[in-house]
Amino acid sequence: QLKFFEQLERLEKQRKDEQEREILLKAAKSRSRQEDPEQ
């Protein structure tokens, strides 16, 4: 059971990392002239 929960946590962390990576890649590809500090 503990191994199963650890695997679930690992998959959830991997999914969040993938989402964050996609957001960062989209931000890196954007070519807007007026960039805000967050961008």
PDB file of all heavy atoms in Angstrom:
ATOM      1  N   GLN A   1       0.826  -1.206   0.000  1.00  0.00           N
ATOM      2  CA  GLN A   1       0.000   0.000   0.000  1.00  0.00           C
ATOM      3  C   GLN A   1       0.860   1.255   0.000  1.00  0.00           C
ATOM      4  O   GLN A   1       0.581   2.215  -0.732  1.00  0.00           O
ATOM      5  CB  GLN A   1      -0.933  -0.018   1.216  1.00  0.00           C
ATOM      6  CG  GLN A   1      -1.974  -1.129   1.177  1.00  0.00           C
ATOM      7  CD  GLN A   1      -2.761  -1.216   2.465  1.00  0.00           C
ATOM      8  OE1 GLN A   1      -2.532  -0.471   3.399  1.00  0.00           O
ATOM      9  NE2 GLN A   1      -3.696  -2.154   2.514  1.00  0.00           N
ATOM     10  N   LEU A   2       1.913   1.255   0.810  1.00  0.00           N
ATOM     11  CA  LEU A   2       2.792   2.424   0.842  1.00  0.00           C
ATOM     12  C   LEU A   2       3.486   2.631  -0.504  1.00  0.00           C
ATOM     13  O   LEU A   2       3.626   3.771  -0.976  1.00  0.00           O
ATOM     14  CB  LEU A   2       3.834   2.255   1.953  1.00  0.00           C
ATOM     15  CG  LEU A   2       3.312   2.371   3.391  1.00  0.00           C
ATOM     16  CD1 LEU A   2       4.429   2.080   4.376  1.00  0.00           C
ATOM     17  CD2 LEU A   2       2.745   3.760   3.648  1.00  0.00           C
ATOM     18  N   LYS A   3       3.926   1.534  -1.131  1.00  0.00           N
ATOM     19  CA  LYS A   3       4.553   1.657  -2.444  1.00  0.00           C
ATOM     20  C   LYS A   3       3.572   2.219  -3.468  1.00  0.00           C
ATOM     21  O   LYS A   3       3.928   3.033  -4.322  1.00  0.00           O
ATOM     22  CB  LYS A   3       5.064   0.286  -2.904  1.00  0.00           C
ATOM     23  CG  LYS A   3       6.321  -0.165  -2.195  1.00  0.00           C
ATOM     24  CD  LYS A   3       6.815  -1.485  -2.757  1.00  0.00           C
ATOM     25  CE  LYS A   3       8.096  -1.930  -2.061  1.00  0.00           C
ATOM     26  NZ  LYS A   3       8.586  -3.236  -2.588  1.00  0.00           N
ATOM     27  N   PHE A   4       2.296   1.795  -3.358  1.00  0.00           N
ATOM     28  CA  PHE A   4       1.285   2.293  -4.283  1.00  0.00           C
ATOM     29  C   PHE A   4       1.078   3.790  -4.106  1.00  0.00           C
ATOM     30  O   PHE A   4       1.018   4.555  -5.083  1.00  0.00           O
ATOM     31  CB  PHE A   4      -0.026   1.528  -4.046  1.00  0.00           C
ATOM     32  CG  PHE A   4      -1.179   2.025  -4.869  1.00  0.00           C
ATOM     33  CD1 PHE A   4      -1.233   1.766  -6.229  1.00  0.00           C
ATOM     34  CD2 PHE A   4      -2.200   2.754  -4.285  1.00  0.00           C
ATOM     35  CE1 PHE A   4      -2.295   2.225  -6.995  1.00  0.00           C
ATOM     36  CE2 PHE A   4      -3.259   3.216  -5.040  1.00  0.00           C
ATOM     37  CZ  PHE A   4      -3.304   2.954  -6.399  1.00  0.00           C
ATOM     38  N   PHE A   5       1.007   4.248  -2.835  1.00  0.00           N
ATOM     39  CA  PHE A   5       0.822   5.680  -2.587  1.00  0.00           C
ATOM     40  C   PHE A   5       2.043   6.483  -3.035  1.00  0.00           C
ATOM     41  O   PHE A   5       1.902   7.595  -3.562  1.00  0.00           O
ATOM     42  CB  PHE A   5       0.545   5.927  -1.100  1.00  0.00           C
ATOM     43  CG  PHE A   5      -0.830   5.503  -0.669  1.00  0.00           C
ATOM     44  CD1 PHE A   5      -0.999   4.648   0.406  1.00  0.00           C
ATOM     45  CD2 PHE A   5      -1.958   5.944  -1.347  1.00  0.00           C
ATOM     46  CE1 PHE A   5      -2.272   4.248   0.801  1.00  0.00           C
ATOM     47  CE2 PHE A   5      -3.229   5.553  -0.960  1.00  0.00           C
ATOM     48  CZ  PHE A   5      -3.388   4.699   0.113  1.00  0.00           C
ATOM     49  N   GLU A   6       3.234   5.925  -2.837  1.00  0.00           N
ATOM     50  CA  GLU A   6       4.432   6.617  -3.308  1.00  0.00           C
ATOM     51  C   GLU A   6       4.434   6.741  -4.830  1.00  0.00           C
ATOM     52  O   GLU A   6       4.834   7.765  -5.383  1.00  0.00           O
ATOM     53  CB  GLU A   6       5.676   5.858  -2.843  1.00  0.00           C
ATOM     54  CG  GLU A   6       5.942   5.987  -1.352  1.00  0.00           C
ATOM     55  CD  GLU A   6       7.121   5.135  -0.916  1.00  0.00           C
ATOM     56  OE1 GLU A   6       7.698   4.449  -1.803  1.00  0.00           O
ATOM     57  OE2 GLU A   6       7.459   5.158   0.276  1.00  0.00           O
ATOM     58  N   GLN A   7       3.975   5.694  -5.497  1.00  0.00           N
ATOM     59  CA  GLN A   7       3.911   5.749  -6.955  1.00  0.00           C
ATOM     60  C   GLN A   7       2.895   6.793  -7.412  1.00  0.00           C
ATOM     61  O   GLN A   7       3.133   7.533  -8.377  1.00  0.00           O
ATOM     62  CB  GLN A   7       3.543   4.366  -7.499  1.00  0.00           C
ATOM     63  CG  GLN A   7       3.635   4.262  -9.010  1.00  0.00           C
ATOM     64  CD  GLN A   7       3.363   2.856  -9.496  1.00  0.00           C
ATOM     65  OE1 GLN A   7       3.039   1.980  -8.700  1.00  0.00           O
ATOM     66  NE2 GLN A   7       3.464   2.641 -10.792  1.00  0.00           N
ATOM     67  N   LEU A   8       1.749   6.876  -6.714  1.00  0.00           N
ATOM     68  CA  LEU A   8       0.759   7.900  -7.048  1.00  0.00           C
ATOM     69  C   LEU A   8       1.336   9.303  -6.871  1.00  0.00           C
ATOM     70  O   LEU A   8       1.138  10.182  -7.724  1.00  0.00           O
ATOM     71  CB  LEU A   8      -0.482   7.740  -6.161  1.00  0.00           C
ATOM     72  CG  LEU A   8      -1.474   6.627  -6.530  1.00  0.00           C
ATOM     73  CD1 LEU A   8      -2.643   6.635  -5.560  1.00  0.00           C
ATOM     74  CD2 LEU A   8      -1.976   6.807  -7.953  1.00  0.00           C
ATOM     75  N   GLU A   9       2.054   9.519  -5.756  1.00  0.00           N
ATOM     76  CA  GLU A   9       2.656  10.834  -5.526  1.00  0.00           C
ATOM     77  C   GLU A   9       3.693  11.156  -6.599  1.00  0.00           C
ATOM     78  O   GLU A   9       3.794  12.297  -7.065  1.00  0.00           O
ATOM     79  CB  GLU A   9       3.303  10.869  -4.136  1.00  0.00           C
ATOM     80  CG  GLU A   9       2.295  10.855  -2.994  1.00  0.00           C
ATOM     81  CD  GLU A   9       2.968  10.850  -1.645  1.00  0.00           C
ATOM     82  OE1 GLU A   9       4.222  10.840  -1.612  1.00  0.00           O
ATOM     83  OE2 GLU A   9       2.257  10.864  -0.623  1.00  0.00           O
ATOM     84  N   ARG A  10       4.459  10.135  -7.003  1.00  0.00           N
ATOM     85  CA  ARG A  10       5.464  10.359  -8.036  1.00  0.00           C
ATOM     86  C   ARG A  10       4.813  10.728  -9.369  1.00  0.00           C
ATOM     87  O   ARG A  10       5.253  11.652 -10.067  1.00  0.00           O
ATOM     88  CB  ARG A  10       6.316   9.093  -8.187  1.00  0.00           C
ATOM     89  CG  ARG A  10       7.633   9.333  -8.882  1.00  0.00           C
ATOM     90  CD  ARG A  10       8.433   8.048  -9.006  1.00  0.00           C
ATOM     91  NE  ARG A  10       8.679   7.434  -7.726  1.00  0.00           N
ATOM     92  CZ  ARG A  10       8.184   6.257  -7.360  1.00  0.00           C
ATOM     93  NH1 ARG A  10       7.419   5.559  -8.193  1.00  0.00           N
ATOM     94  NH2 ARG A  10       8.461   5.740  -6.171  1.00  0.00           N
ATOM     95  N   LEU A  11       3.722  10.032  -9.719  1.00  0.00           N
ATOM     96  CA  LEU A  11       3.024  10.343 -10.963  1.00  0.00           C
ATOM     97  C   LEU A  11       2.394  11.733 -10.918  1.00  0.00           C
ATOM     98  O   LEU A  11       2.412  12.476 -11.908  1.00  0.00           O
ATOM     99  CB  LEU A  11       1.951   9.283 -11.229  1.00  0.00           C
ATOM    100  CG  LEU A  11       2.457   7.881 -11.592  1.00  0.00           C
ATOM    101  CD1 LEU A  11       1.289   6.909 -11.683  1.00  0.00           C
ATOM    102  CD2 LEU A  11       3.224   7.921 -12.900  1.00  0.00           C
ATOM    103  N   GLU A  12       1.834  12.096  -9.742  1.00  0.00           N
ATOM    104  CA  GLU A  12       1.235  13.426  -9.604  1.00  0.00           C
ATOM    105  C   GLU A  12       2.291  14.516  -9.732  1.00  0.00           C
ATOM    106  O   GLU A  12       2.075  15.531 -10.402  1.00  0.00           O
ATOM    107  CB  GLU A  12       0.528  13.520  -8.239  1.00  0.00           C
ATOM    108  CG  GLU A  12      -0.186  14.834  -7.990  1.00  0.00           C
ATOM    109  CD  GLU A  12      -1.382  15.018  -8.906  1.00  0.00           C
ATOM    110  OE1 GLU A  12      -1.881  14.031  -9.466  1.00  0.00           O
ATOM    111  OE2 GLU A  12      -1.817  16.183  -9.058  1.00  0.00           O
ATOM    112  N   LYS A  13       3.458  14.296  -9.125  1.00  0.00           N
ATOM    113  CA  LYS A  13       4.538  15.280  -9.232  1.00  0.00           C
ATOM    114  C   LYS A  13       5.036  15.372 -10.671  1.00  0.00           C
ATOM    115  O   LYS A  13       5.318  16.470 -11.179  1.00  0.00           O
ATOM    116  CB  LYS A  13       5.683  14.870  -8.303  1.00  0.00           C
ATOM    117  CG  LYS A  13       6.811  15.884  -8.234  1.00  0.00           C
ATOM    118  CD  LYS A  13       7.863  15.444  -7.239  1.00  0.00           C
ATOM    119  CE  LYS A  13       8.975  16.476  -7.123  1.00  0.00           C
ATOM    120  NZ  LYS A  13       9.669  16.730  -8.394  1.00  0.00           N
ATOM    121  N   GLN A  14       5.115  14.214 -11.347  1.00  0.00           N
ATOM    122  CA  GLN A  14       5.560  14.233 -12.735  1.00  0.00           C
ATOM    123  C   GLN A  14       4.563  14.988 -13.615  1.00  0.00           C
ATOM    124  O   GLN A  14       4.955  15.754 -14.506  1.00  0.00           O
ATOM    125  CB  GLN A  14       5.724  12.789 -13.222  1.00  0.00           C
ATOM    126  CG  GLN A  14       6.285  12.676 -14.627  1.00  0.00           C
ATOM    127  CD  GLN A  14       6.478  11.228 -15.039  1.00  0.00           C
ATOM    128  OE1 GLN A  14       6.258  10.318 -14.235  1.00  0.00           O
ATOM    129  NE2 GLN A  14       6.882  11.009 -16.271  1.00  0.00           N
ATOM    130  N   ARG A  15       3.257  14.802 -13.329  1.00  0.00           N
ATOM    131  CA  ARG A  15       2.243  15.519 -14.117  1.00  0.00           C
ATOM    132  C   ARG A  15       2.333  17.031 -13.893  1.00  0.00           C
ATOM    133  O   ARG A  15       2.256  17.821 -14.842  1.00  0.00           O
ATOM    134  CB  ARG A  15       0.856  15.010 -13.722  1.00  0.00           C
ATOM    135  CG  ARG A  15      -0.283  15.554 -14.582  1.00  0.00           C
ATOM    136  CD  ARG A  15      -1.603  14.992 -14.121  1.00  0.00           C
ATOM    137  NE  ARG A  15      -1.912  15.383 -12.757  1.00  0.00           N
ATOM    138  CZ  ARG A  15      -2.453  16.571 -12.445  1.00  0.00           C
ATOM    139  NH1 ARG A  15      -2.719  17.466 -13.390  1.00  0.00           N
ATOM    140  NH2 ARG A  15      -2.709  16.862 -11.191  1.00  0.00           N
ATOM    141  N   LYS A  16       2.531  17.440 -12.640  1.00  0.00           N
ATOM    142  CA  LYS A  16       2.655  18.872 -12.359  1.00  0.00           C
ATOM    143  C   LYS A  16       3.909  19.457 -12.996  1.00  0.00           C
ATOM    144  O   LYS A  16       3.886  20.579 -13.526  1.00  0.00           O
ATOM    145  CB  LYS A  16       2.690  19.103 -10.838  1.00  0.00           C
ATOM    146  CG  LYS A  16       1.342  18.889 -10.166  1.00  0.00           C
ATOM    147  CD  LYS A  16       1.423  19.188  -8.677  1.00  0.00           C
ATOM    148  CE  LYS A  16       0.070  18.997  -8.009  1.00  0.00           C
ATOM    149  NZ  LYS A  16       0.142  19.265  -6.540  1.00  0.00           N
ATOM    150  N   ASP A  17       5.001  18.691 -12.977  1.00  0.00           N
ATOM    151  CA  ASP A  17       6.223  19.172 -13.621  1.00  0.00           C
ATOM    152  C   ASP A  17       6.031  19.325 -15.122  1.00  0.00           C
ATOM    153  O   ASP A  17       6.537  20.284 -15.722  1.00  0.00           O
ATOM    154  CB  ASP A  17       7.376  18.200 -13.327  1.00  0.00           C
ATOM    155  CG  ASP A  17       7.799  18.220 -11.869  1.00  0.00           C
ATOM    156  OD1 ASP A  17       7.424  19.178 -11.164  1.00  0.00           O
ATOM    157  OD2 ASP A  17       8.473  17.258 -11.423  1.00  0.00           O
ATOM    158  N   GLU A  18       5.303  18.386 -15.721  1.00  0.00           N
ATOM    159  CA  GLU A  18       5.035  18.494 -17.170  1.00  0.00           C
ATOM    160  C   GLU A  18       4.186  19.720 -17.478  1.00  0.00           C
ATOM    161  O   GLU A  18       4.439  20.441 -18.453  1.00  0.00           O
ATOM    162  CB  GLU A  18       4.336  17.222 -17.658  1.00  0.00           C
ATOM    163  CG  GLU A  18       5.224  15.981 -17.695  1.00  0.00           C
ATOM    164  CD  GLU A  18       6.310  16.089 -18.742  1.00  0.00           C
ATOM    165  OE1 GLU A  18       6.104  16.794 -19.747  1.00  0.00           O
ATOM    166  OE2 GLU A  18       7.375  15.479 -18.552  1.00  0.00           O
ATOM    167  N   GLN A  19       3.161  19.971 -16.656  1.00  0.00           N
ATOM    168  CA  GLN A  19       2.327  21.162 -16.868  1.00  0.00           C
ATOM    169  C   GLN A  19       3.152  22.438 -16.731  1.00  0.00           C
ATOM    170  O   GLN A  19       3.040  23.372 -17.554  1.00  0.00           O
ATOM    171  CB  GLN A  19       1.168  21.178 -15.864  1.00  0.00           C
ATOM    172  CG  GLN A  19       0.100  20.129 -16.125  1.00  0.00           C
ATOM    173  CD  GLN A  19      -1.018  20.177 -15.098  1.00  0.00           C
ATOM    174  OE1 GLN A  19      -0.927  20.888 -14.100  1.00  0.00           O
ATOM    175  NE2 GLN A  19      -2.057  19.390 -15.329  1.00  0.00           N
ATOM    176  N   GLU A  20       3.984  22.493 -15.693  1.00  0.00           N
ATOM    177  CA  GLU A  20       4.827  23.682 -15.504  1.00  0.00           C
ATOM    178  C   GLU A  20       5.806  23.845 -16.664  1.00  0.00           C
ATOM    179  O   GLU A  20       6.070  24.968 -17.127  1.00  0.00           O
ATOM    180  CB  GLU A  20       5.579  23.557 -14.179  1.00  0.00           C
ATOM    181  CG  GLU A  20       6.370  24.798 -13.809  1.00  0.00           C
ATOM    182  CD  GLU A  20       7.070  24.658 -12.474  1.00  0.00           C
ATOM    183  OE1 GLU A  20       6.916  23.607 -11.823  1.00  0.00           O
ATOM    184  OE2 GLU A  20       7.774  25.602 -12.085  1.00  0.00           O
ATOM    185  N   ARG A  21       6.306  22.737 -17.169  1.00  0.00           N
ATOM    186  CA  ARG A  21       7.248  22.802 -18.292  1.00  0.00           C
ATOM    187  C   ARG A  21       6.561  23.336 -19.550  1.00  0.00           C
ATOM    188  O   ARG A  21       7.128  24.152 -20.278  1.00  0.00           O
ATOM    189  CB  ARG A  21       7.814  21.399 -18.547  1.00  0.00           C
ATOM    190  CG  ARG A  21       8.907  21.334 -19.583  1.00  0.00           C
ATOM    191  CD  ARG A  21       9.541  19.945 -19.611  1.00  0.00           C
ATOM    192  NE  ARG A  21      10.621  19.883 -20.554  1.00  0.00           N
ATOM    193  CZ  ARG A  21      10.485  19.657 -21.867  1.00  0.00           C
ATOM    194  NH1 ARG A  21       9.272  19.452 -22.361  1.00  0.00           N
ATOM    195  NH2 ARG A  21      11.533  19.621 -22.659  1.00  0.00           N
ATOM    196  N   GLU A  22       5.318  22.888 -19.777  1.00  0.00           N
ATOM    197  CA  GLU A  22       4.581  23.387 -20.941  1.00  0.00           C
ATOM    198  C   GLU A  22       4.317  24.889 -20.815  1.00  0.00           C
ATOM    199  O   GLU A  22       4.441  25.651 -21.793  1.00  0.00           O
ATOM    200  CB  GLU A  22       3.258  22.638 -21.077  1.00  0.00           C
ATOM    201  CG  GLU A  22       3.424  21.184 -21.517  1.00  0.00           C
ATOM    202  CD  GLU A  22       2.090  20.470 -21.608  1.00  0.00           C
ATOM    203  OE1 GLU A  22       1.056  21.138 -21.378  1.00  0.00           O
ATOM    204  OE2 GLU A  22       2.086  19.263 -21.895  1.00  0.00           O
ATOM    205  N   ILE A  23       3.973  25.341 -19.620  1.00  0.00           N
ATOM    206  CA  ILE A  23       3.725  26.776 -19.417  1.00  0.00           C
ATOM    207  C   ILE A  23       4.997  27.575 -19.667  1.00  0.00           C
ATOM    208  O   ILE A  23       4.988  28.633 -20.332  1.00  0.00           O
ATOM    209  CB  ILE A  23       3.189  27.024 -17.990  1.00  0.00           C
ATOM    210  CG1 ILE A  23       1.811  26.393 -17.838  1.00  0.00           C
ATOM    211  CG2 ILE A  23       3.128  28.510 -17.686  1.00  0.00           C
ATOM    212  CD1 ILE A  23       1.279  26.426 -16.419  1.00  0.00           C
ATOM    213  N   LEU A  24       6.114  27.073 -19.172  1.00  0.00           N
ATOM    214  CA  LEU A  24       7.379  27.783 -19.360  1.00  0.00           C
ATOM    215  C   LEU A  24       7.786  27.802 -20.832  1.00  0.00           C
ATOM    216  O   LEU A  24       8.297  28.814 -21.342  1.00  0.00           O
ATOM    217  CB  LEU A  24       8.469  27.130 -18.510  1.00  0.00           C
ATOM    218  CG  LEU A  24       8.324  27.283 -16.990  1.00  0.00           C
ATOM    219  CD1 LEU A  24       9.402  26.487 -16.280  1.00  0.00           C
ATOM    220  CD2 LEU A  24       8.389  28.739 -16.588  1.00  0.00           C
ATOM    221  N   LEU A  25       7.567  26.675 -21.532  1.00  0.00           N
ATOM    222  CA  LEU A  25       7.920  26.651 -22.958  1.00  0.00           C
ATOM    223  C   LEU A  25       7.045  27.607 -23.765  1.00  0.00           C
ATOM    224  O   LEU A  25       7.530  28.281 -24.688  1.00  0.00           O
ATOM    225  CB  LEU A  25       7.797  25.227 -23.494  1.00  0.00           C
ATOM    226  CG  LEU A  25       8.864  24.237 -22.999  1.00  0.00           C
ATOM    227  CD1 LEU A  25       8.587  22.841 -23.535  1.00  0.00           C
ATOM    228  CD2 LEU A  25      10.264  24.694 -23.411  1.00  0.00           C
ATOM    229  N   LYS A  26       5.753  27.678 -23.437  1.00  0.00           N
ATOM    230  CA  LYS A  26       4.879  28.639 -24.116  1.00  0.00           C
ATOM    231  C   LYS A  26       5.325  30.064 -23.850  1.00  0.00           C
ATOM    232  O   LYS A  26       5.318  30.920 -24.744  1.00  0.00           O
ATOM    233  CB  LYS A  26       3.440  28.443 -23.646  1.00  0.00           C
ATOM    234  CG  LYS A  26       2.772  27.201 -24.201  1.00  0.00           C
ATOM    235  CD  LYS A  26       1.347  27.087 -23.688  1.00  0.00           C
ATOM    236  CE  LYS A  26       0.689  25.809 -24.207  1.00  0.00           C
ATOM    237  NZ  LYS A  26      -0.696  25.660 -23.675  1.00  0.00           N
ATOM    238  N   ALA A  27       5.721  30.330 -22.601  1.00  0.00           N
ATOM    239  CA  ALA A  27       6.185  31.680 -22.270  1.00  0.00           C
ATOM    240  C   ALA A  27       7.486  32.011 -22.991  1.00  0.00           C
ATOM    241  O   ALA A  27       7.708  33.150 -23.409  1.00  0.00           O
ATOM    242  CB  ALA A  27       6.386  31.798 -20.759  1.00  0.00           C
ATOM    243  N   ALA A  28       8.349  31.005 -23.163  1.00  0.00           N
ATOM    244  CA  ALA A  28       9.612  31.253 -23.852  1.00  0.00           C
ATOM    245  C   ALA A  28       9.406  31.500 -25.340  1.00  0.00           C
ATOM    246  O   ALA A  28      10.152  32.266 -25.964  1.00  0.00           O
ATOM    247  CB  ALA A  28      10.555  30.075 -23.641  1.00  0.00           C
ATOM    248  N   LYS A  29       8.365  30.882 -25.931  1.00  0.00           N
ATOM    249  CA  LYS A  29       8.111  31.036 -27.371  1.00  0.00           C
ATOM    250  C   LYS A  29       7.313  32.295 -27.699  1.00  0.00           C
ATOM    251  O   LYS A  29       7.246  32.685 -28.857  1.00  0.00           O
ATOM    252  CB  LYS A  29       7.358  29.810 -27.887  1.00  0.00           C
ATOM    253  CG  LYS A  29       8.205  28.540 -27.897  1.00  0.00           C
ATOM    254  CD  LYS A  29       7.392  27.351 -28.369  1.00  0.00           C
ATOM    255  CE  LYS A  29       8.226  26.080 -28.348  1.00  0.00           C
ATOM    256  NZ  LYS A  29       7.442  24.896 -28.761  1.00  0.00           N
ATOM    257  N   SER A  30       6.681  32.871 -26.691  1.00  0.00           N
ATOM    258  CA  SER A  30       5.870  34.059 -26.974  1.00  0.00           C
ATOM    259  C   SER A  30       6.777  35.225 -27.356  1.00  0.00           C
ATOM    260  O   SER A  30       7.849  35.425 -26.778  1.00  0.00           O
ATOM    261  CB  SER A  30       5.039  34.430 -25.741  1.00  0.00           C
ATOM    262  OG  SER A  30       5.878  34.832 -24.695  1.00  0.00           O
ATOM    263  N   ARG A  31       6.324  36.039 -28.353  1.00  0.00           N
ATOM    264  CA  ARG A  31       7.137  37.135 -28.869  1.00  0.00           C
ATOM    265  C   ARG A  31       6.395  38.472 -28.727  1.00  0.00           C
ATOM    266  O   ARG A  31       6.487  39.330 -29.590  1.00  0.00           O
ATOM    267  CB  ARG A  31       7.490  36.899 -30.330  1.00  0.00           C
ATOM    268  CG  ARG A  31       8.305  35.631 -30.537  1.00  0.00           C
ATOM    269  CD  ARG A  31       8.708  35.474 -31.981  1.00  0.00           C
ATOM    270  NE  ARG A  31       9.533  34.286 -32.185  1.00  0.00           N
ATOM    271  CZ  ARG A  31      10.845  34.255 -32.007  1.00  0.00           C
ATOM    272  NH1 ARG A  31      11.476  35.347 -31.610  1.00  0.00           N
ATOM    273  NH2 ARG A  31      11.523  33.142 -32.221  1.00  0.00           N
ATOM    274  N   SER A  32       5.678  38.615 -27.664  1.00  0.00           N
ATOM    275  CA  SER A  32       4.973  39.878 -27.446  1.00  0.00           C
ATOM    276  C   SER A  32       5.976  40.976 -27.115  1.00  0.00           C
ATOM    277  O   SER A  32       6.942  40.763 -26.387  1.00  0.00           O
ATOM    278  CB  SER A  32       3.971  39.727 -26.287  1.00  0.00           C
ATOM    279  OG  SER A  32       4.639  39.339 -25.109  1.00  0.00           O
ATOM    280  N   ARG A  33       5.754  42.184 -27.717  1.00  0.00           N
ATOM    281  CA  ARG A  33       6.700  43.286 -27.538  1.00  0.00           C
ATOM    282  C   ARG A  33       6.595  43.885 -26.127  1.00  0.00           C
ATOM    283  O   ARG A  33       7.602  44.203 -25.514  1.00  0.00           O
ATOM    284  CB  ARG A  33       6.436  44.370 -28.581  1.00  0.00           C
ATOM    285  CG  ARG A  33       6.753  43.895 -29.991  1.00  0.00           C
ATOM    286  CD  ARG A  33       6.503  44.997 -30.980  1.00  0.00           C
ATOM    287  NE  ARG A  33       6.823  44.573 -32.349  1.00  0.00           N
ATOM    288  CZ  ARG A  33       6.681  45.344 -33.406  1.00  0.00           C
ATOM    289  NH1 ARG A  33       6.193  46.582 -33.275  1.00  0.00           N
ATOM    290  NH2 ARG A  33       6.997  44.885 -34.604  1.00  0.00           N
ATOM    291  N   GLN A  34       5.388  44.041 -25.664  1.00  0.00           N
ATOM    292  CA  GLN A  34       5.192  44.602 -24.334  1.00  0.00           C
ATOM    293  C   GLN A  34       5.058  43.453 -23.325  1.00  0.00           C
ATOM    294  O   GLN A  34       3.990  42.875 -23.184  1.00  0.00           O
ATOM    295  CB  GLN A  34       3.940  45.489 -24.302  1.00  0.00           C
ATOM    296  CG  GLN A  34       4.043  46.698 -25.211  1.00  0.00           C
ATOM    297  CD  GLN A  34       2.778  47.531 -25.167  1.00  0.00           C
ATOM    298  OE1 GLN A  34       1.773  47.119 -24.590  1.00  0.00           O
ATOM    299  NE2 GLN A  34       2.839  48.701 -25.788  1.00  0.00           N
ATOM    300  N   GLU A  35       6.153  43.134 -22.711  1.00  0.00           N
ATOM    301  CA  GLU A  35       6.167  42.027 -21.760  1.00  0.00           C
ATOM    302  C   GLU A  35       6.000  42.566 -20.344  1.00  0.00           C
ATOM    303  O   GLU A  35       6.645  43.538 -19.958  1.00  0.00           O
ATOM    304  CB  GLU A  35       7.482  41.256 -21.852  1.00  0.00           C
ATOM    305  CG  GLU A  35       7.656  40.505 -23.165  1.00  0.00           C
ATOM    306  CD  GLU A  35       8.935  39.696 -23.144  1.00  0.00           C
ATOM    307  OE1 GLU A  35       9.702  39.871 -22.175  1.00  0.00           O
ATOM    308  OE2 GLU A  35       9.160  38.925 -24.089  1.00  0.00           O
ATOM    309  N   ASP A  36       5.124  41.929 -19.605  1.00  0.00           N
ATOM    310  CA  ASP A  36       4.980  42.283 -18.192  1.00  0.00           C
ATOM    311  C   ASP A  36       6.061  41.569 -17.375  1.00  0.00           C
ATOM    312  O   ASP A  36       6.719  40.656 -17.872  1.00  0.00           O
ATOM    313  CB  ASP A  36       3.579  41.924 -17.689  1.00  0.00           C
ATOM    314  CG  ASP A  36       3.265  40.455 -17.896  1.00  0.00           C
ATOM    315  OD1 ASP A  36       4.061  39.777 -18.577  1.00  0.00           O
ATOM    316  OD2 ASP A  36       2.248  39.972 -17.377  1.00  0.00           O
ATOM    317  N   PRO A  37       6.284  41.983 -16.135  1.00  0.00           N
ATOM    318  CA  PRO A  37       7.339  41.331 -15.318  1.00  0.00           C
ATOM    319  C   PRO A  37       7.115  39.834 -15.125  1.00  0.00           C
ATOM    320  O   PRO A  37       8.083  39.058 -15.083  1.00  0.00           O
ATOM    321  CB  PRO A  37       7.231  42.081 -13.976  1.00  0.00           C
ATOM    322  CG  PRO A  37       6.623  43.398 -14.317  1.00  0.00           C
ATOM    323  CD  PRO A  37       5.695  43.142 -15.466  1.00  0.00           C
ATOM    324  N   GLU A  38       5.859  39.423 -15.052  1.00  0.00           N
ATOM    325  CA  GLU A  38       5.576  38.001 -14.874  1.00  0.00           C
ATOM    326  C   GLU A  38       6.019  37.203 -16.099  1.00  0.00           C
ATOM    327  O   GLU A  38       6.580  36.111 -15.986  1.00  0.00           O
ATOM    328  CB  GLU A  38       4.078  37.806 -14.614  1.00  0.00           C
ATOM    329  CG  GLU A  38       3.665  36.369 -14.381  1.00  0.00           C
ATOM    330  CD  GLU A  38       4.232  35.808 -13.085  1.00  0.00           C
ATOM    331  OE1 GLU A  38       4.622  36.588 -12.193  1.00  0.00           O
ATOM    332  OE2 GLU A  38       4.302  34.563 -12.963  1.00  0.00           O
ATOM    333  N   GLN A  39       5.764  37.771 -17.284  1.00  0.00           N
ATOM    334  CA  GLN A  39       6.180  37.110 -18.522  1.00  0.00           C
ATOM    335  C   GLN A  39       7.705  37.010 -18.590  1.00  0.00           C
ATOM    336  O   GLN A  39       8.260  35.982 -18.991  1.00  0.00           O
ATOM    337  CB  GLN A  39       5.648  37.893 -19.721  1.00  0.00           C
ATOM    338  CG  GLN A  39       5.764  37.153 -21.043  1.00  0.00           C
ATOM    339  CD  GLN A  39       4.714  36.068 -21.176  1.00  0.00           C
ATOM    340  OE1 GLN A  39       3.779  36.019 -20.386  1.00  0.00           O
ATOM    341  NE2 GLN A  39       4.867  35.210 -22.155  1.00  0.00           N
TER     342      GLN A  39
END
